[in-house]
Amino acid sequence: MRLSSRCSVALHCLIVIADAQDQTKVTSELLARSTGCNAAAIRSILNSLKKCGIIDIKRGVGGAYLKQTPTKITIWSVYHALEPDGLAHFIGLHPNPSEYCPVGRQIYAILEKPYSDIGETIQKEMERITLQQLLDEHDAEG
């Protein structure tokens, strides 16, 4: 029932990539040290971001770089790259309501519309916030 930490790690990686890609080779090992995650988890995240066209990775010499401008990358695009069906599971329903209970029989139907509305609101907010905004915040804090 919460946003996966993979999204936060991916955004952390993207900020590092955007900040450092012209100065140093951004590898999964460098990102692992920065995020505190293991390099295999970082490679999995980078692979998902690459499949969606957000980043690319130079073969041979290595190094990740942004394939899109930071103004085009949104929190939603990152989240969706990592969790394509994630929003459907963002708000969980308890799995075993009693079919003998008048509320239990109807609870999924009762909650379907409000939960759908909540999901749409979350998606719209995630689409509104760009990597550029996060980079600007990083620079302001810097």
Foldseek 3Di string as FASTA:
>chain_A
DAQDCLLVLLLQLQLCQVVPVVPDARALVNSCVVSVHDSVSSVVLVVLCVVLQQWDWDPPVTGIHGRDDQVQAFSLSSSCSVCVCVLVPRDDDDDDQDCVDPCSVCVCVVCVVVSVVVSVVVNVVRNVGTSVNVNVVVVVVD
